[in-house]
């Protein structure tokens, strides 16, 4: 089996439609979606910089 890892930069409040289109255009099976959660300095908040999407290619 072969796998491909995609790095998908996003802003959680704006890119819902773009992410949906990206996922629907993949040819293989999506194995996992892993968010990169980065803390915001001097705050108790965090935000997602990008997603790593693992696709299984036939």
Protein backbone atom coordinates (compact mmCIF):
# COMPACT_ATOMS: atom_id res chain seq x y z
CA UNK A 1 0.00 0.00 0.00
CA UNK A 2 1.10 3.54 -0.72
CA UNK A 3 0.25 6.63 1.27
CA UNK A 4 0.46 10.32 0.53
CA UNK A 5 0.52 13.05 3.18
CA UNK A 6 -1.01 16.42 2.29
CA UNK A 7 -0.34 19.62 4.25
CA UNK A 8 -3.46 21.80 4.19
CA UNK A 9 -3.02 25.33 5.62
CA UNK A 10 -6.24 26.84 6.91
CA UNK A 11 -8.07 29.36 9.03
CA UNK A 12 -10.79 27.50 10.88
CA UNK A 13 -13.34 30.28 10.52
CA UNK A 14 -12.91 30.80 6.76
CA UNK A 15 -11.81 27.62 4.99
CA UNK A 16 -14.63 25.13 5.59
CA UNK A 17 -15.75 25.13 1.94
CA UNK A 18 -12.17 24.92 0.62
CA UNK A 19 -11.45 21.93 2.90
CA UNK A 20 -14.65 20.21 1.77
CA UNK A 21 -13.70 20.65 -1.89
CA UNK A 22 -10.15 19.39 -1.24
CA UNK A 23 -11.39 16.24 0.52
CA UNK A 24 -14.00 15.52 -2.15
CA UNK A 25 -11.33 15.76 -4.88
CA UNK A 26 -8.99 13.19 -3.34
CA UNK A 27 -8.83 9.95 -5.30
CA UNK A 28 -7.78 7.64 -2.50
CA UNK A 29 -9.18 6.83 0.93
CA UNK A 30 -8.63 9.34 3.75
CA UNK A 31 -6.89 7.49 6.59
CA UNK A 32 -6.49 10.34 9.07
CA UNK A 33 -6.72 14.09 9.53
CA UNK A 34 -4.35 15.50 12.14
CA UNK A 35 -4.51 19.16 13.18
CA UNK A 36 -1.37 21.08 14.13
CA UNK A 37 -2.49 22.97 17.22
CA UNK A 38 -0.25 25.92 18.12
CA UNK A 39 -0.54 27.82 21.39
CA UNK A 40 -1.02 31.57 21.30
CA UNK A 41 1.70 33.34 23.30
CA UNK A 42 0.66 34.85 26.62
CA UNK A 43 -2.82 33.38 26.34
CA UNK A 44 -4.77 30.28 27.27
CA UNK A 45 -5.95 29.93 23.68
CA UNK A 46 -4.64 27.85 20.80
CA UNK A 47 -5.30 27.76 17.08
CA UNK A 48 -4.91 25.31 14.21
CA UNK A 49 -2.22 26.29 11.70
CA UNK A 50 -2.66 23.43 9.25
CA UNK A 51 -3.97 19.91 8.83
CA UNK A 52 -1.99 16.83 7.85
CA UNK A 53 -4.22 14.61 5.74
CA UNK A 54 -3.08 11.02 5.09
CA UNK A 55 -4.47 9.48 1.92
CA UNK A 56 -4.19 5.78 1.02
CA UNK A 57 -3.48 5.39 -2.69
CA UNK A 58 -4.49 2.20 -4.47
